[in-house]
Every structure is written in structure tokens, then in C-alpha cells.
Amino acid sequence: MPKPNPVVNKQKQCYFCFNNIHQVDYKDVTILRRFLSSFAKIVARKRSKVCMTHQRQLTSAIKRARIMALLPFVQR
């Protein structure tokens, strides 16, 4: 009989769902920078562990913040 695995695969919860944030605001640059790579690219959903609805809001908020010059398009 195999031994039970002590490591439990815990599903990480979405950052925005966990903190009860319903809308992603493009003016909140500190939160948006958490979901950018070192080259200022938007991090994939699998890597950032964000749910599908918040990932859509996140991408549009990052794009809007880039147009408003709050975030860079390309990192130097």
C-alpha cells in the first residue's frame, strides 16, 4: 500500500480575489508593477496566478497606464 503524500497541492488564490479587489485600477501603479516582468512585459496568467476575469482587467489596466505614461512600454 503506497504512503500518502504529505505535500498537498494547494491552489493559489487570485491576488485580487484574496484581497477582495473587484476592479483593477490603472492608477494604482504599485499593484500593476507586480504583474510586469523585468522587461516590462505583462506576466502570463499561469505565472501570476490571477483568475481569468482579473487577468483581463489587469491587461487593460496596464495598457491604459502605459498610454497615460504611468508605466513604461519598454524597460531600459
PDB file of N, CA and C in Angstrom:
ATOM      1  N   MET A   1       0.842  -1.185   0.000  1.00  0.00           N
ATOM      2  CA  MET A   1       0.000   0.000   0.000  1.00  0.00           C
ATOM      3  C   MET A   1       0.886   1.247   0.000  1.00  0.00           C
ATOM      4  N   PRO A   2       0.675   2.172  -0.951  1.00  0.00           N
ATOM      5  CA  PRO A   2       1.529   3.364  -1.010  1.00  0.00           C
ATOM      6  C   PRO A   2       1.226   4.329   0.140  1.00  0.00           C
ATOM      7  N   LYS A   3       2.287   5.034   0.525  1.00  0.00           N
ATOM      8  CA  LYS A   3       2.131   6.019   1.593  1.00  0.00           C
ATOM      9  C   LYS A   3       1.441   7.267   1.060  1.00  0.00           C
ATOM     10  N   PRO A   4       0.646   7.934   1.877  1.00  0.00           N
ATOM     11  CA  PRO A   4       0.018   9.186   1.417  1.00  0.00           C
ATOM     12  C   PRO A   4       1.077  10.281   1.279  1.00  0.00           C
ATOM     13  N   ASN A   5       0.914  11.064   0.283  1.00  0.00           N
ATOM     14  CA  ASN A   5       1.860  12.142   0.007  1.00  0.00           C
ATOM     15  C   ASN A   5       1.624  13.291   0.986  1.00  0.00           C
ATOM     16  N   PRO A   6       2.655  13.696   1.761  1.00  0.00           N
ATOM     17  CA  PRO A   6       2.450  14.787   2.723  1.00  0.00           C
ATOM     18  C   PRO A   6       2.328  16.153   2.067  1.00  0.00           C
ATOM     19  N   VAL A   7       2.825  16.275   0.833  1.00  0.00           N
ATOM     20  CA  VAL A   7       2.751  17.555   0.137  1.00  0.00           C
ATOM     21  C   VAL A   7       1.376  17.668  -0.512  1.00  0.00           C
ATOM     22  N   VAL A   8       0.642  18.647  -0.115  1.00  0.00           N
ATOM     23  CA  VAL A   8      -0.698  18.856  -0.653  1.00  0.00           C
ATOM     24  C   VAL A   8      -0.608  19.925  -1.730  1.00  0.00           C
ATOM     25  N   ASN A   9      -1.177  19.628  -2.888  1.00  0.00           N
ATOM     26  CA  ASN A   9      -1.182  20.602  -3.967  1.00  0.00           C
ATOM     27  C   ASN A   9      -2.224  21.668  -3.667  1.00  0.00           C
ATOM     28  N   LYS A  10      -1.765  22.779  -3.133  1.00  0.00           N
ATOM     29  CA  LYS A  10      -2.671  23.864  -2.792  1.00  0.00           C
ATOM     30  C   LYS A  10      -2.827  24.786  -3.992  1.00  0.00           C
ATOM     31  N   GLN A  11      -4.041  25.070  -4.347  1.00  0.00           N
ATOM     32  CA  GLN A  11      -4.308  26.003  -5.424  1.00  0.00           C
ATOM     33  C   GLN A  11      -4.152  27.417  -4.875  1.00  0.00           C
ATOM     34  N   LYS A  12      -3.243  28.185  -5.463  1.00  0.00           N
ATOM     35  CA  LYS A  12      -3.082  29.556  -5.018  1.00  0.00           C
ATOM     36  C   LYS A  12      -4.277  30.372  -5.483  1.00  0.00           C
ATOM     37  N   GLN A  13      -4.754  31.203  -4.607  1.00  0.00           N
ATOM     38  CA  GLN A  13      -5.910  32.018  -4.949  1.00  0.00           C
ATOM     39  C   GLN A  13      -5.443  33.296  -5.632  1.00  0.00           C
ATOM     40  N   CYS A  14      -6.298  33.829  -6.439  1.00  0.00           N
ATOM     41  CA  CYS A  14      -6.021  35.070  -7.156  1.00  0.00           C
ATOM     42  C   CYS A  14      -5.734  36.192  -6.159  1.00  0.00           C
ATOM     43  N   TYR A  15      -4.756  37.038  -6.493  1.00  0.00           N
ATOM     44  CA  TYR A  15      -4.372  38.142  -5.609  1.00  0.00           C
ATOM     45  C   TYR A  15      -5.547  39.095  -5.390  1.00  0.00           C
ATOM     46  N   PHE A  16      -6.276  39.386  -6.453  1.00  0.00           N
ATOM     47  CA  PHE A  16      -7.371  40.345  -6.358  1.00  0.00           C
ATOM     48  C   PHE A  16      -8.589  39.750  -5.645  1.00  0.00           C
ATOM     49  N   CYS A  17      -8.854  38.467  -5.860  1.00  0.00           N
ATOM     50  CA  CYS A  17      -9.962  37.807  -5.153  1.00  0.00           C
ATOM     51  C   CYS A  17      -9.641  37.678  -3.664  1.00  0.00           C
ATOM     52  N   PHE A  18      -8.390  37.359  -3.347  1.00  0.00           N
ATOM     53  CA  PHE A  18      -7.979  37.186  -1.961  1.00  0.00           C
ATOM     54  C   PHE A  18      -8.080  38.498  -1.182  1.00  0.00           C
ATOM     55  N   ASN A  19      -7.712  39.615  -1.814  1.00  0.00           N
ATOM     56  CA  ASN A  19      -7.757  40.924  -1.169  1.00  0.00           C
ATOM     57  C   ASN A  19      -9.078  41.649  -1.397  1.00  0.00           C
ATOM     58  N   ASN A  20     -10.045  40.952  -2.000  1.00  0.00           N
ATOM     59  CA  ASN A  20     -11.388  41.486  -2.227  1.00  0.00           C
ATOM     60  C   ASN A  20     -11.368  42.780  -3.040  1.00  0.00           C
ATOM     61  N   ILE A  21     -10.565  42.786  -4.104  1.00  0.00           N
ATOM     62  CA  ILE A  21     -10.498  43.914  -5.038  1.00  0.00           C
ATOM     63  C   ILE A  21     -11.333  43.514  -6.254  1.00  0.00           C
ATOM     64  N   HIS A  22     -12.420  44.247  -6.513  1.00  0.00           N
ATOM     65  CA  HIS A  22     -13.317  43.872  -7.597  1.00  0.00           C
ATOM     66  C   HIS A  22     -12.888  44.473  -8.930  1.00  0.00           C
ATOM     67  N   GLN A  23     -12.403  45.685  -8.923  1.00  0.00           N
ATOM     68  CA  GLN A  23     -11.960  46.349 -10.136  1.00  0.00           C
ATOM     69  C   GLN A  23     -10.472  46.668 -10.031  1.00  0.00           C
ATOM     70  N   VAL A  24      -9.731  46.409 -11.106  1.00  0.00           N
ATOM     71  CA  VAL A  24      -8.308  46.735 -11.159  1.00  0.00           C
ATOM     72  C   VAL A  24      -8.187  48.164 -11.664  1.00  0.00           C
ATOM     73  N   ASP A  25      -7.548  49.023 -10.885  1.00  0.00           N
ATOM     74  CA  ASP A  25      -7.451  50.436 -11.222  1.00  0.00           C
ATOM     75  C   ASP A  25      -6.133  50.705 -11.932  1.00  0.00           C
ATOM     76  N   TYR A  26      -6.189  51.420 -13.053  1.00  0.00           N
ATOM     77  CA  TYR A  26      -4.975  51.705 -13.815  1.00  0.00           C
ATOM     78  C   TYR A  26      -4.087  52.734 -13.122  1.00  0.00           C
ATOM     79  N   LYS A  27      -4.627  53.483 -12.150  1.00  0.00           N
ATOM     80  CA  LYS A  27      -3.834  54.494 -11.448  1.00  0.00           C
ATOM     81  C   LYS A  27      -3.027  53.911 -10.293  1.00  0.00           C
ATOM     82  N   ASP A  28      -3.322  52.676  -9.915  1.00  0.00           N
ATOM     83  CA  ASP A  28      -2.595  52.023  -8.822  1.00  0.00           C
ATOM     84  C   ASP A  28      -1.374  51.304  -9.396  1.00  0.00           C
ATOM     85  N   VAL A  29      -0.306  52.068  -9.594  1.00  0.00           N
ATOM     86  CA  VAL A  29       0.880  51.585 -10.294  1.00  0.00           C
ATOM     87  C   VAL A  29       1.636  50.544  -9.471  1.00  0.00           C
ATOM     88  N   THR A  30       1.604  50.649  -8.153  1.00  0.00           N
ATOM     89  CA  THR A  30       2.358  49.705  -7.321  1.00  0.00           C
ATOM     90  C   THR A  30       1.826  48.277  -7.480  1.00  0.00           C
ATOM     91  N   ILE A  31       0.519  48.132  -7.601  1.00  0.00           N
ATOM     92  CA  ILE A  31      -0.048  46.795  -7.815  1.00  0.00           C
ATOM     93  C   ILE A  31       0.227  46.331  -9.237  1.00  0.00           C
ATOM     94  N   LEU A  32       0.123  47.225 -10.203  1.00  0.00           N
ATOM     95  CA  LEU A  32       0.328  46.837 -11.601  1.00  0.00           C
ATOM     96  C   LEU A  32       1.764  46.380 -11.850  1.00  0.00           C
ATOM     97  N   ARG A  33       2.734  46.976 -11.170  1.00  0.00           N
ATOM     98  CA  ARG A  33       4.138  46.594 -11.380  1.00  0.00           C
ATOM     99  C   ARG A  33       4.437  45.187 -10.892  1.00  0.00           C
ATOM    100  N   ARG A  34       3.623  44.666  -9.994  1.00  0.00           N
ATOM    101  CA  ARG A  34       3.811  43.286  -9.526  1.00  0.00           C
ATOM    102  C   ARG A  34       3.582  42.281 -10.650  1.00  0.00           C
ATOM    103  N   PHE A  35       2.797  42.666 -11.637  1.00  0.00           N
ATOM    104  CA  PHE A  35       2.433  41.755 -12.715  1.00  0.00           C
ATOM    105  C   PHE A  35       3.142  42.088 -14.016  1.00  0.00           C
ATOM    106  N   LEU A  36       4.268  42.778 -13.933  1.00  0.00           N
ATOM    107  CA  LEU A  36       5.127  43.056 -15.081  1.00  0.00           C
ATOM    108  C   LEU A  36       6.444  42.314 -14.905  1.00  0.00           C
ATOM    109  N   SER A  37       7.007  41.843 -16.022  1.00  0.00           N
ATOM    110  CA  SER A  37       8.299  41.164 -15.951  1.00  0.00           C
ATOM    111  C   SER A  37       9.411  42.210 -15.869  1.00  0.00           C
ATOM    112  N   SER A  38      10.648  41.746 -15.821  1.00  0.00           N
ATOM    113  CA  SER A  38      11.775  42.676 -15.747  1.00  0.00           C
ATOM    114  C   SER A  38      11.941  43.478 -17.028  1.00  0.00           C
ATOM    115  N   PHE A  39      11.368  42.984 -18.129  1.00  0.00           N
ATOM    116  CA  PHE A  39      11.409  43.702 -19.398  1.00  0.00           C
ATOM    117  C   PHE A  39      10.133  44.493 -19.660  1.00  0.00           C
ATOM    118  N   ALA A  40       9.327  44.698 -18.618  1.00  0.00           N
ATOM    119  CA  ALA A  40       8.075  45.460 -18.662  1.00  0.00           C
ATOM    120  C   ALA A  40       7.022  44.794 -19.538  1.00  0.00           C
ATOM    121  N   LYS A  41       7.052  43.459 -19.599  1.00  0.00           N
ATOM    122  CA  LYS A  41       6.024  42.717 -20.314  1.00  0.00           C
ATOM    123  C   LYS A  41       5.008  42.198 -19.303  1.00  0.00           C
ATOM    124  N   ILE A  42       3.770  42.022 -19.747  1.00  0.00           N
ATOM    125  CA  ILE A  42       2.718  41.528 -18.868  1.00  0.00           C
ATOM    126  C   ILE A  42       2.958  40.039 -18.605  1.00  0.00           C
ATOM    127  N   VAL A  43       2.950  39.664 -17.341  1.00  0.00           N
ATOM    128  CA  VAL A  43       3.210  38.280 -16.944  1.00  0.00           C
ATOM    129  C   VAL A  43       1.996  37.418 -17.271  1.00  0.00           C
ATOM    130  N   ALA A  44       2.241  36.195 -17.712  1.00  0.00           N
ATOM    131  CA  ALA A  44       1.174  35.274 -18.086  1.00  0.00           C
ATOM    132  C   ALA A  44       0.334  34.880 -16.870  1.00  0.00           C
ATOM    133  N   ARG A  45      -0.861  34.430 -17.142  1.00  0.00           N
ATOM    134  CA  ARG A  45      -1.804  34.090 -16.081  1.00  0.00           C
ATOM    135  C   ARG A  45      -1.347  32.887 -15.265  1.00  0.00           C
ATOM    136  N   LYS A  46      -0.708  31.938 -15.895  1.00  0.00           N
ATOM    137  CA  LYS A  46      -0.215  30.759 -15.187  1.00  0.00           C
ATOM    138  C   LYS A  46       0.874  31.129 -14.197  1.00  0.00           C
ATOM    139  N   ARG A  47       1.660  32.104 -14.556  1.00  0.00           N
ATOM    140  CA  ARG A  47       2.786  32.501 -13.705  1.00  0.00           C
ATOM    141  C   ARG A  47       2.359  33.458 -12.599  1.00  0.00           C
ATOM    142  N   SER A  48       1.407  34.317 -12.886  1.00  0.00           N
ATOM    143  CA  SER A  48       0.981  35.303 -11.894  1.00  0.00           C
ATOM    144  C   SER A  48      -0.104  34.781 -10.959  1.00  0.00           C
ATOM    145  N   LYS A  49      -0.722  33.640 -11.310  1.00  0.00           N
ATOM    146  CA  LYS A  49      -1.779  33.009 -10.501  1.00  0.00           C
ATOM    147  C   LYS A  49      -2.981  33.937 -10.300  1.00  0.00           C
ATOM    148  N   VAL A  50      -3.380  34.615 -11.360  1.00  0.00           N
ATOM    149  CA  VAL A  50      -4.530  35.513 -11.326  1.00  0.00           C
ATOM    150  C   VAL A  50      -5.660  34.846 -12.095  1.00  0.00           C
ATOM    151  N   CYS A  51      -6.882  34.992 -11.606  1.00  0.00           N
ATOM    152  CA  CYS A  51      -8.021  34.375 -12.288  1.00  0.00           C
ATOM    153  C   CYS A  51      -8.274  35.064 -13.635  1.00  0.00           C
ATOM    154  N   MET A  52      -9.096  34.432 -14.450  1.00  0.00           N
ATOM    155  CA  MET A  52      -9.295  34.876 -15.819  1.00  0.00           C
ATOM    156  C   MET A  52      -9.922  36.275 -15.905  1.00  0.00           C
ATOM    157  N   THR A  53     -10.913  36.543 -15.080  1.00  0.00           N
ATOM    158  CA  THR A  53     -11.573  37.848 -15.157  1.00  0.00           C
ATOM    159  C   THR A  53     -10.635  38.971 -14.723  1.00  0.00           C
ATOM    160  N   HIS A  54      -9.851  38.719 -13.668  1.00  0.00           N
ATOM    161  CA  HIS A  54      -8.930  39.761 -13.225  1.00  0.00           C
ATOM    162  C   HIS A  54      -7.733  39.897 -14.158  1.00  0.00           C
ATOM    163  N   GLN A  55      -7.352  38.819 -14.862  1.00  0.00           N
ATOM    164  CA  GLN A  55      -6.267  38.929 -15.834  1.00  0.00           C
ATOM    165  C   GLN A  55      -6.685  39.834 -16.987  1.00  0.00           C
ATOM    166  N   ARG A  56      -7.940  39.725 -17.412  1.00  0.00           N
ATOM    167  CA  ARG A  56      -8.430  40.607 -18.478  1.00  0.00           C
ATOM    168  C   ARG A  56      -8.427  42.062 -18.029  1.00  0.00           C
ATOM    169  N   GLN A  57      -8.909  42.297 -16.798  1.00  0.00           N
ATOM    170  CA  GLN A  57      -8.918  43.657 -16.265  1.00  0.00           C
ATOM    171  C   GLN A  57      -7.496  44.170 -16.076  1.00  0.00           C
ATOM    172  N   LEU A  58      -6.590  43.282 -15.679  1.00  0.00           N
ATOM    173  CA  LEU A  58      -5.201  43.654 -15.445  1.00  0.00           C
ATOM    174  C   LEU A  58      -4.514  44.076 -16.736  1.00  0.00           C
ATOM    175  N   THR A  59      -4.737  43.324 -17.817  1.00  0.00           N
ATOM    176  CA  THR A  59      -4.100  43.679 -19.080  1.00  0.00           C
ATOM    177  C   THR A  59      -4.611  45.015 -19.607  1.00  0.00           C
ATOM    178  N   SER A  60      -5.907  45.234 -19.510  1.00  0.00           N
ATOM    179  CA  SER A  60      -6.439  46.518 -19.988  1.00  0.00           C
ATOM    180  C   SER A  60      -5.977  47.667 -19.097  1.00  0.00           C
ATOM    181  N   ALA A  61      -5.843  47.421 -17.788  1.00  0.00           N
ATOM    182  CA  ALA A  61      -5.359  48.476 -16.890  1.00  0.00           C
ATOM    183  C   ALA A  61      -3.892  48.795 -17.151  1.00  0.00           C
ATOM    184  N   ILE A  62      -3.079  47.779 -17.433  1.00  0.00           N
ATOM    185  CA  ILE A  62      -1.668  48.023 -17.731  1.00  0.00           C
ATOM    186  C   ILE A  62      -1.529  48.771 -19.046  1.00  0.00           C
ATOM    187  N   LYS A  63      -2.306  48.389 -20.049  1.00  0.00           N
ATOM    188  CA  LYS A  63      -2.256  49.088 -21.337  1.00  0.00           C
ATOM    189  C   LYS A  63      -2.711  50.533 -21.202  1.00  0.00           C
ATOM    190  N   ARG A  64      -3.740  50.762 -20.400  1.00  0.00           N
ATOM    191  CA  ARG A  64      -4.226  52.120 -20.168  1.00  0.00           C
ATOM    192  C   ARG A  64      -3.197  52.946 -19.414  1.00  0.00           C
ATOM    193  N   ALA A  65      -2.525  52.331 -18.432  1.00  0.00           N
ATOM    194  CA  ALA A  65      -1.496  53.037 -17.665  1.00  0.00           C
ATOM    195  C   ALA A  65      -0.289  53.355 -18.537  1.00  0.00           C
ATOM    196  N   ARG A  66       0.017  52.507 -19.496  1.00  0.00           N
ATOM    197  CA  ARG A  66       1.119  52.797 -20.425  1.00  0.00           C
ATOM    198  C   ARG A  66       0.788  53.988 -21.310  1.00  0.00           C
ATOM    199  N   ILE A  67      -0.445  54.064 -21.778  1.00  0.00           N
ATOM    200  CA  ILE A  67      -0.851  55.184 -22.629  1.00  0.00           C
ATOM    201  C   ILE A  67      -0.845  56.492 -21.845  1.00  0.00           C
ATOM    202  N   MET A  68      -1.217  56.424 -20.566  1.00  0.00           N
ATOM    203  CA  MET A  68      -1.221  57.615 -19.710  1.00  0.00           C
ATOM    204  C   MET A  68       0.164  57.942 -19.163  1.00  0.00           C
ATOM    205  N   ALA A  69       1.187  57.187 -19.569  1.00  0.00           N
ATOM    206  CA  ALA A  69       2.596  57.378 -19.185  1.00  0.00           C
ATOM    207  C   ALA A  69       2.824  57.149 -17.690  1.00  0.00           C
ATOM    208  N   LEU A  70       2.038  56.264 -17.087  1.00  0.00           N
ATOM    209  CA  LEU A  70       2.267  55.872 -15.700  1.00  0.00           C
ATOM    210  C   LEU A  70       3.211  54.678 -15.618  1.00  0.00           C
ATOM    211  N   LEU A  71       3.210  53.845 -16.667  1.00  0.00           N
ATOM    212  CA  LEU A  71       4.104  52.696 -16.764  1.00  0.00           C
ATOM    213  C   LEU A  71       4.878  52.780 -18.072  1.00  0.00           C
ATOM    214  N   PRO A  72       6.101  52.254 -18.103  1.00  0.00           N
ATOM    215  CA  PRO A  72       6.873  52.302 -19.350  1.00  0.00           C
ATOM    216  C   PRO A  72       6.417  51.217 -20.326  1.00  0.00           C
ATOM    217  N   PHE A  73       6.586  51.494 -21.619  1.00  0.00           N
ATOM    218  CA  PHE A  73       6.324  50.478 -22.632  1.00  0.00           C
ATOM    219  C   PHE A  73       7.463  49.472 -22.663  1.00  0.00           C
ATOM    220  N   VAL A  74       8.704  49.977 -22.557  1.00  0.00           N
ATOM    221  CA  VAL A  74       9.892  49.129 -22.595  1.00  0.00           C
ATOM    222  C   VAL A  74      10.802  49.539 -21.455  1.00  0.00           C
ATOM    223  N   GLN A  75      11.366  48.535 -20.770  1.00  0.00           N
ATOM    224  CA  GLN A  75      12.308  48.822 -19.684  1.00  0.00           C
ATOM    225  C   GLN A  75      13.684  49.074 -20.287  1.00  0.00           C
ATOM    226  N   ARG A  76      14.408  50.029 -19.729  1.00  0.00           N
ATOM    227  CA  ARG A  76      15.750  50.320 -20.244  1.00  0.00           C
ATOM    228  C   ARG A  76      16.772  49.358 -19.737  1.00  0.00           C
TER     229      ARG A  76
END
